[in-house]
Amino acid sequence: MRAFLSLTPDAETAMTISQWSALCWPMIERLVPVQNYHITIAFLGEIDGAVQQSIVEDIENRNLGGAFALALNRVGYWPDARVLWLGSDKACEAANKLAQTCKQIANRSGVRVSGKKFEPHITLARKPVVAPPAALIDPDFTVQFESLQLYQSILDRSGARYVEVESFRL
């Protein structure tokens, strides 16, 4: 299965972000569906059942650091990937530590996680036709995260669909 570890905002916060995004960029047709909002902690790629079990057991036997809040108050656009995103203007030590722990767990299970610098963000739009203008309303969200999720990513004609496989209390 194609999998990743992530943080998922609660439904109320996700809906608020989605409404804000739609107000800021009414012209963008490829906004990410609210049910797909997440912050990828570690992209695992294709893993089999044995690797999945190893990762799950390792996570369950770790102290993941506890719940934390993350400010989402910055919008960015990566032109090469053509991704509009919502992130933070300041580092979150708890999120960075969790990402490092998950990378170590994945590596111990034989999964090589990207060495790119971890930058927590929620993807708002993929491949807009033109680069989006600045947000009409500055973002100012604080999201409380109390769990880490293991998701399966299913790609089909309608796009990506994410199915929660496991959830781990922070």
C-alpha atoms as a PDB file:
ATOM      1  CA  MET A   1       0.000   0.000   0.000  1.00  0.00           C
ATOM      2  CA  ARG A   2       1.070   3.591  -0.628  1.00  0.00           C
ATOM      3  CA  ALA A   3       1.287   5.172   2.826  1.00  0.00           C
ATOM      4  CA  PHE A   4       2.251   8.219   4.873  1.00  0.00           C
ATOM      5  CA  LEU A   5       2.257   9.373   8.493  1.00  0.00           C
ATOM      6  CA  SER A   6       0.489  12.648   9.134  1.00  0.00           C
ATOM      7  CA  LEU A   7      -1.248  15.050  11.442  1.00  0.00           C
ATOM      8  CA  THR A   8      -4.880  15.755  10.617  1.00  0.00           C
ATOM      9  CA  PRO A   9      -6.714  18.878  11.787  1.00  0.00           C
ATOM     10  CA  ASP A  10     -10.028  18.374  13.554  1.00  0.00           C
ATOM     11  CA  ALA A  11     -13.115  18.662  11.345  1.00  0.00           C
ATOM     12  CA  GLU A  12     -14.194  22.097  12.602  1.00  0.00           C
ATOM     13  CA  THR A  13     -10.759  23.639  12.012  1.00  0.00           C
ATOM     14  CA  ALA A  14     -10.456  21.958   8.616  1.00  0.00           C
ATOM     15  CA  MET A  15     -13.831  23.383   7.567  1.00  0.00           C
ATOM     16  CA  THR A  16     -12.818  26.868   8.745  1.00  0.00           C
ATOM     17  CA  ILE A  17      -9.581  26.654   6.733  1.00  0.00           C
ATOM     18  CA  SER A  18     -11.493  25.400   3.685  1.00  0.00           C
ATOM     19  CA  GLN A  19     -13.989  28.279   3.881  1.00  0.00           C
ATOM     20  CA  TRP A  20     -11.143  30.802   4.268  1.00  0.00           C
ATOM     21  CA  SER A  21      -9.308  29.250   1.289  1.00  0.00           C
ATOM     22  CA  ALA A  22     -12.420  29.411  -0.925  1.00  0.00           C
ATOM     23  CA  LEU A  23     -12.899  33.100   0.006  1.00  0.00           C
ATOM     24  CA  CYS A  24      -9.268  33.946  -0.737  1.00  0.00           C
ATOM     25  CA  TRP A  25      -9.004  32.134  -4.067  1.00  0.00           C
ATOM     26  CA  PRO A  26     -12.466  31.812  -5.635  1.00  0.00           C
ATOM     27  CA  MET A  27     -10.874  31.491  -9.077  1.00  0.00           C
ATOM     28  CA  ILE A  28      -8.853  28.356  -8.278  1.00  0.00           C
ATOM     29  CA  GLU A  29     -10.585  25.245  -9.556  1.00  0.00           C
ATOM     30  CA  ARG A  30      -8.220  22.661  -8.072  1.00  0.00           C
ATOM     31  CA  LEU A  31      -8.550  23.333  -4.352  1.00  0.00           C
ATOM     32  CA  VAL A  32      -7.770  20.265  -2.263  1.00  0.00           C
ATOM     33  CA  PRO A  33     -10.931  18.719  -0.758  1.00  0.00           C
ATOM     34  CA  VAL A  34     -11.276  19.464   2.943  1.00  0.00           C
ATOM     35  CA  GLN A  35     -11.289  15.738   3.790  1.00  0.00           C
ATOM     36  CA  ASN A  36      -7.727  15.529   2.406  1.00  0.00           C
ATOM     37  CA  TYR A  37      -6.265  18.244   4.648  1.00  0.00           C
ATOM     38  CA  HIS A  38      -3.255  16.948   6.542  1.00  0.00           C
ATOM     39  CA  ILE A  39       0.349  17.700   7.404  1.00  0.00           C
ATOM     40  CA  THR A  40       2.632  14.963   6.121  1.00  0.00           C
ATOM     41  CA  ILE A  41       5.103  13.954   8.808  1.00  0.00           C
ATOM     42  CA  ALA A  42       6.755  11.166   6.788  1.00  0.00           C
ATOM     43  CA  PHE A  43       5.901   9.915   3.309  1.00  0.00           C
ATOM     44  CA  LEU A  44       6.512   6.156   3.345  1.00  0.00           C
ATOM     45  CA  GLY A  45       5.689   5.291  -0.271  1.00  0.00           C
ATOM     46  CA  GLU A  46       4.824   1.700  -1.149  1.00  0.00           C
ATOM     47  CA  ILE A  47       5.055  -0.555   1.909  1.00  0.00           C
ATOM     48  CA  ASP A  48       3.999  -4.143   2.502  1.00  0.00           C
ATOM     49  CA  GLY A  49       2.217  -5.627   5.512  1.00  0.00           C
ATOM     50  CA  ALA A  50       5.423  -6.594   7.331  1.00  0.00           C
ATOM     51  CA  VAL A  51       6.869  -3.078   7.041  1.00  0.00           C
ATOM     52  CA  GLN A  52       3.546  -1.572   8.096  1.00  0.00           C
ATOM     53  CA  GLN A  53       3.450  -3.813  11.176  1.00  0.00           C
ATOM     54  CA  SER A  54       7.045  -2.927  12.058  1.00  0.00           C
ATOM     55  CA  ILE A  55       6.302   0.800  11.821  1.00  0.00           C
ATOM     56  CA  VAL A  56       3.089   0.487  13.848  1.00  0.00           C
ATOM     57  CA  GLU A  57       4.801  -1.506  16.609  1.00  0.00           C
ATOM     58  CA  ASP A  58       7.715   0.927  16.785  1.00  0.00           C
ATOM     59  CA  ILE A  59       5.374   3.925  17.012  1.00  0.00           C
ATOM     60  CA  GLU A  60       3.289   2.234  19.723  1.00  0.00           C
ATOM     61  CA  ASN A  61       6.441   1.628  21.780  1.00  0.00           C
ATOM     62  CA  ARG A  62       7.642   5.247  21.546  1.00  0.00           C
ATOM     63  CA  ASN A  63       6.918   8.394  23.463  1.00  0.00           C
ATOM     64  CA  LEU A  64       5.769  10.668  20.635  1.00  0.00           C
ATOM     65  CA  GLY A  65       6.097  13.788  22.753  1.00  0.00           C
ATOM     66  CA  GLY A  66       2.505  14.677  23.608  1.00  0.00           C
ATOM     67  CA  ALA A  67      -0.180  16.864  22.065  1.00  0.00           C
ATOM     68  CA  PHE A  68       0.784  20.286  20.731  1.00  0.00           C
ATOM     69  CA  ALA A  69      -0.589  23.326  18.942  1.00  0.00           C
ATOM     70  CA  LEU A  70       0.680  24.625  15.616  1.00  0.00           C
ATOM     71  CA  ALA A  71       0.089  28.135  14.283  1.00  0.00           C
ATOM     72  CA  LEU A  72      -0.858  28.185  10.609  1.00  0.00           C
ATOM     73  CA  ASN A  73      -0.443  31.798   9.601  1.00  0.00           C
ATOM     74  CA  ARG A  74       1.580  31.843   6.389  1.00  0.00           C
ATOM     75  CA  VAL A  75       0.694  31.112   2.780  1.00  0.00           C
ATOM     76  CA  GLY A  76       3.228  29.953   0.240  1.00  0.00           C
ATOM     77  CA  TYR A  77       3.435  28.736  -3.326  1.00  0.00           C
ATOM     78  CA  TRP A  78       6.024  26.303  -4.676  1.00  0.00           C
ATOM     79  CA  PRO A  79       6.168  27.103  -8.403  1.00  0.00           C
ATOM     80  CA  ASP A  80       8.100  23.963  -9.415  1.00  0.00           C
ATOM     81  CA  ALA A  81       5.521  21.652  -7.830  1.00  0.00           C
ATOM     82  CA  ARG A  82       2.687  24.163  -8.457  1.00  0.00           C
ATOM     83  CA  VAL A  83       1.412  23.782  -4.887  1.00  0.00           C
ATOM     84  CA  LEU A  84      -0.380  26.436  -2.828  1.00  0.00           C
ATOM     85  CA  TRP A  85       0.047  25.752   0.884  1.00  0.00           C
ATOM     86  CA  LEU A  86      -0.758  26.979   4.386  1.00  0.00           C
ATOM     87  CA  GLY A  87       2.055  26.790   6.910  1.00  0.00           C
ATOM     88  CA  SER A  88       3.677  28.593   9.800  1.00  0.00           C
ATOM     89  CA  ASP A  89       6.025  31.546  10.003  1.00  0.00           C
ATOM     90  CA  LYS A  90       7.796  30.035  13.017  1.00  0.00           C
ATOM     91  CA  ALA A  91       9.333  26.664  13.769  1.00  0.00           C
ATOM     92  CA  CYS A  92       7.371  24.240  15.940  1.00  0.00           C
ATOM     93  CA  GLU A  93       9.811  22.174  17.981  1.00  0.00           C
ATOM     94  CA  ALA A  94       7.202  19.502  18.801  1.00  0.00           C
ATOM     95  CA  ALA A  95       6.326  18.976  15.114  1.00  0.00           C
ATOM     96  CA  ASN A  96       9.993  18.919  14.102  1.00  0.00           C
ATOM     97  CA  LYS A  97      10.823  16.373  16.799  1.00  0.00           C
ATOM     98  CA  LEU A  98       7.856  14.182  15.779  1.00  0.00           C
ATOM     99  CA  ALA A  99       8.963  14.305  12.129  1.00  0.00           C
ATOM    100  CA  GLN A 100      12.506  13.292  13.117  1.00  0.00           C
ATOM    101  CA  THR A 101      11.208  10.412  15.264  1.00  0.00           C
ATOM    102  CA  CYS A 102       8.954   9.154  12.448  1.00  0.00           C
ATOM    103  CA  LYS A 103      11.827   9.365   9.967  1.00  0.00           C
ATOM    104  CA  GLN A 104      13.983   7.235  12.303  1.00  0.00           C
ATOM    105  CA  ILE A 105      11.165   4.699  12.737  1.00  0.00           C
ATOM    106  CA  ALA A 106      10.662   4.457   8.967  1.00  0.00           C
ATOM    107  CA  ASN A 107      14.401   4.108   8.334  1.00  0.00           C
ATOM    108  CA  ARG A 108      14.646   1.305  10.913  1.00  0.00           C
ATOM    109  CA  SER A 109      11.873  -0.507   9.051  1.00  0.00           C
ATOM    110  CA  GLY A 110      13.775  -0.216   5.782  1.00  0.00           C
ATOM    111  CA  VAL A 111      11.859   2.753   4.373  1.00  0.00           C
ATOM    112  CA  ARG A 112      13.973   5.660   3.172  1.00  0.00           C
ATOM    113  CA  VAL A 113      12.211   8.932   3.911  1.00  0.00           C
ATOM    114  CA  SER A 114      13.128  12.056   1.961  1.00  0.00           C
ATOM    115  CA  GLY A 115      16.016  14.015   3.402  1.00  0.00           C
ATOM    116  CA  LYS A 116      14.350  17.330   2.557  1.00  0.00           C
ATOM    117  CA  LYS A 117      13.904  19.772   5.431  1.00  0.00           C
ATOM    118  CA  PHE A 118      10.572  19.203   7.178  1.00  0.00           C
ATOM    119  CA  GLU A 119       8.246  22.141   6.589  1.00  0.00           C
ATOM    120  CA  PRO A 120       4.821  21.543   8.155  1.00  0.00           C
ATOM    121  CA  HIS A 121       2.069  22.633   5.793  1.00  0.00           C
ATOM    122  CA  ILE A 122      -1.405  21.825   4.532  1.00  0.00           C
ATOM    123  CA  THR A 123      -1.699  21.697   0.749  1.00  0.00           C
ATOM    124  CA  LEU A 124      -4.577  23.947  -0.328  1.00  0.00           C
ATOM    125  CA  ALA A 125      -4.369  23.594  -4.122  1.00  0.00           C
ATOM    126  CA  ARG A 126      -2.447  21.482  -6.622  1.00  0.00           C
ATOM    127  CA  LYS A 127      -1.471  22.620 -10.073  1.00  0.00           C
ATOM    128  CA  PRO A 128      -3.498  25.815 -10.373  1.00  0.00           C
ATOM    129  CA  VAL A 129      -3.520  27.124 -13.950  1.00  0.00           C
ATOM    130  CA  VAL A 130      -1.704  30.302 -12.869  1.00  0.00           C
ATOM    131  CA  ALA A 131       0.226  31.184  -9.710  1.00  0.00           C
ATOM    132  CA  PRO A 132      -2.321  32.292  -7.120  1.00  0.00           C
ATOM    133  CA  PRO A 133      -2.354  35.914  -5.959  1.00  0.00           C
ATOM    134  CA  ALA A 134      -1.789  36.837  -2.329  1.00  0.00           C
ATOM    135  CA  ALA A 135      -4.519  35.775   0.092  1.00  0.00           C
ATOM    136  CA  LEU A 136      -7.353  38.278   0.384  1.00  0.00           C
ATOM    137  CA  ILE A 137      -7.473  37.600   4.136  1.00  0.00           C
ATOM    138  CA  ASP A 138      -4.344  36.803   6.143  1.00  0.00           C
ATOM    139  CA  PRO A 139      -4.451  33.320   7.702  1.00  0.00           C
ATOM    140  CA  ASP A 140      -4.547  33.071  11.477  1.00  0.00           C
ATOM    141  CA  PHE A 141      -5.276  29.506  12.580  1.00  0.00           C
ATOM    142  CA  THR A 142      -4.074  27.503  15.543  1.00  0.00           C
ATOM    143  CA  VAL A 143      -4.491  23.770  15.221  1.00  0.00           C
ATOM    144  CA  GLN A 144      -4.298  21.390  18.164  1.00  0.00           C
ATOM    145  CA  PHE A 145      -2.881  17.977  17.319  1.00  0.00           C
ATOM    146  CA  GLU A 146      -3.475  15.089  19.704  1.00  0.00           C
ATOM    147  CA  SER A 147      -2.777  12.133  17.427  1.00  0.00           C
ATOM    148  CA  LEU A 148      -0.628  10.905  14.567  1.00  0.00           C
ATOM    149  CA  GLN A 149      -2.267   9.000  11.716  1.00  0.00           C
ATOM    150  CA  LEU A 150      -1.045   6.320   9.338  1.00  0.00           C
ATOM    151  CA  TYR A 151      -2.887   6.782   6.045  1.00  0.00           C
ATOM    152  CA  GLN A 152      -3.163   4.744   2.885  1.00  0.00           C
ATOM    153  CA  SER A 153      -3.187   6.895  -0.240  1.00  0.00           C
ATOM    154  CA  ILE A 154      -5.447   5.602  -3.002  1.00  0.00           C
ATOM    155  CA  LEU A 155      -5.075   7.243  -6.405  1.00  0.00           C
ATOM    156  CA  ASP A 156      -7.893   6.992  -8.934  1.00  0.00           C
ATOM    157  CA  ARG A 157      -9.476   9.053 -11.708  1.00  0.00           C
ATOM    158  CA  SER A 158     -11.035  11.499  -9.267  1.00  0.00           C
ATOM    159  CA  GLY A 159      -7.693  12.161  -7.533  1.00  0.00           C
ATOM    160  CA  ALA A 160      -6.231  11.073  -4.232  1.00  0.00           C
ATOM    161  CA  ARG A 161      -8.298   9.549  -1.453  1.00  0.00           C
ATOM    162  CA  TYR A 162      -6.821   8.954   1.996  1.00  0.00           C
ATOM    163  CA  VAL A 163      -7.948   6.110   4.243  1.00  0.00           C
ATOM    164  CA  GLU A 164      -6.905   6.093   7.894  1.00  0.00           C
ATOM    165  CA  VAL A 165      -5.249   2.783   8.778  1.00  0.00           C
ATOM    166  CA  GLU A 166      -4.071   3.529  12.336  1.00  0.00           C
ATOM    167  CA  SER A 167      -4.125   6.408  14.805  1.00  0.00           C
ATOM    168  CA  PHE A 168      -1.627   6.941  17.615  1.00  0.00           C
ATOM    169  CA  ARG A 169      -2.152   9.226  20.600  1.00  0.00           C
ATOM    170  CA  LEU A 170       0.548  11.862  20.990  1.00  0.00           C
END
